Protein backbone atom coordinates (compact mmCIF):
# COMPACT_ATOMS: atom_id res chain seq x y z
CA MET A 1 131.78 69.60 104.47
CA SER A 2 133.72 72.17 102.48
CA GLY A 3 132.85 70.27 99.48
CA ALA A 4 129.43 71.74 99.92
CA LEU A 5 130.41 75.65 100.17
CA VAL A 6 130.55 78.01 96.91
CA SER A 7 132.79 80.32 96.00
CA VAL A 8 131.68 83.29 94.74
CA ALA A 9 133.45 86.08 92.94
CA THR A 10 134.24 89.32 94.26
CA ILE A 11 132.51 92.62 92.22
CA GLU A 12 135.39 95.28 92.66
CA ASP A 13 133.16 97.92 91.71
CA GLN A 14 129.66 97.45 92.60
CA HIS A 15 128.49 100.76 91.99
CA ALA A 16 130.12 100.98 88.48
CA LEU A 17 128.22 97.57 87.65
CA ASN A 18 125.00 98.96 88.51
CA ARG A 19 125.47 102.01 86.74
CA GLU A 20 126.40 100.02 83.68
CA ARG A 21 123.84 97.26 83.93
CA TRP A 22 121.02 100.37 84.89
CA ALA A 23 121.81 102.19 81.32
CA GLU A 24 121.53 98.61 79.50
CA LEU A 25 118.56 97.76 80.94
CA GLU A 26 116.88 101.44 80.57
CA GLY A 27 117.26 101.44 77.11
CA ASP A 28 115.11 97.91 76.72
CA SER A 29 112.02 98.82 75.15
CA PHE A 30 110.18 95.56 76.17
CA LEU A 31 110.94 95.85 79.81
CA ALA A 32 109.80 98.81 79.73
CA SER A 33 106.18 98.02 78.34
CA LEU A 34 105.95 95.58 81.51
CA ASP A 35 103.90 96.65 84.63
CA TYR A 36 106.23 94.76 87.14
CA ARG A 37 108.69 96.11 89.55
CA ILE A 38 112.14 95.31 87.94
CA GLU A 39 115.42 95.35 89.93
CA THR A 40 118.73 93.72 90.06
CA ASN A 41 120.34 91.00 92.05
CA ARG A 42 123.88 92.26 93.32
CA PHE A 43 125.18 90.48 89.96
CA GLY A 44 123.44 92.27 87.48
CA GLN A 45 120.98 89.64 87.11
CA ILE A 46 116.94 90.76 86.08
CA VAL A 47 114.97 90.30 89.15
CA MET A 48 110.63 90.90 88.31
CA MET A 49 108.18 91.04 91.04
CA PRO A 50 104.29 92.15 90.55
CA PRO A 51 103.08 95.45 91.97
CA PRO A 52 102.75 95.56 95.70
CA GLY A 53 99.68 95.31 97.37
CA PHE A 54 97.64 96.78 99.79
CA ALA A 55 98.99 95.10 102.56
CA HIS A 56 102.53 95.86 101.49
CA SER A 57 102.13 99.71 101.00
CA SER A 58 100.62 99.50 104.72
CA ARG A 59 103.41 97.96 105.94
CA GLN A 60 106.07 100.46 104.46
CA GLY A 61 103.76 103.44 105.84
CA ARG A 62 104.18 102.15 109.14
CA ILE A 63 107.91 101.56 108.82
CA LEU A 64 108.53 104.86 107.40
CA LYS A 65 106.67 106.29 109.98
CA TRP A 66 109.11 104.31 112.63
CA VAL A 67 112.32 105.32 110.70
CA GLU A 68 110.97 109.02 110.68
CA VAL A 69 111.13 108.78 114.59
CA LYS A 70 114.23 106.61 114.63
CA GLY A 71 116.89 106.97 112.10
CA PRO A 72 118.26 109.74 109.91
CA SER A 73 115.91 111.99 107.69
CA GLY A 74 115.62 112.08 103.91
CA ILE A 75 114.06 108.88 103.62
CA CYS A 76 111.50 108.07 100.27
CA PRO A 77 109.36 105.07 100.07
CA GLY A 78 109.53 103.42 96.96
CA PHE A 79 112.94 105.67 95.61
CA PRO A 80 115.49 103.20 93.68
CA SER A 81 118.97 102.49 95.83
CA ALA A 82 121.79 100.64 96.08
CA VAL A 83 122.03 98.29 98.86
CA GLU A 84 125.17 96.46 100.12
């Protein structure tokens, strides 16, 4: 079974990678012209998704209400962030 495992390279400074990659992507006029939401995965690869529909927005609202009651203050829906 050990042959089935894949070794993934460790990124020393994930935030530095994110900042560098987004500086590159922000300057791309083709990407700026697209209606798709553009995100990157932990390796800086582009992940594109169509804009969310009503069901997503409704769910986001319910989650936001829950977080306002249970979680930390200052949560903003739809605001980009880096997560680990």
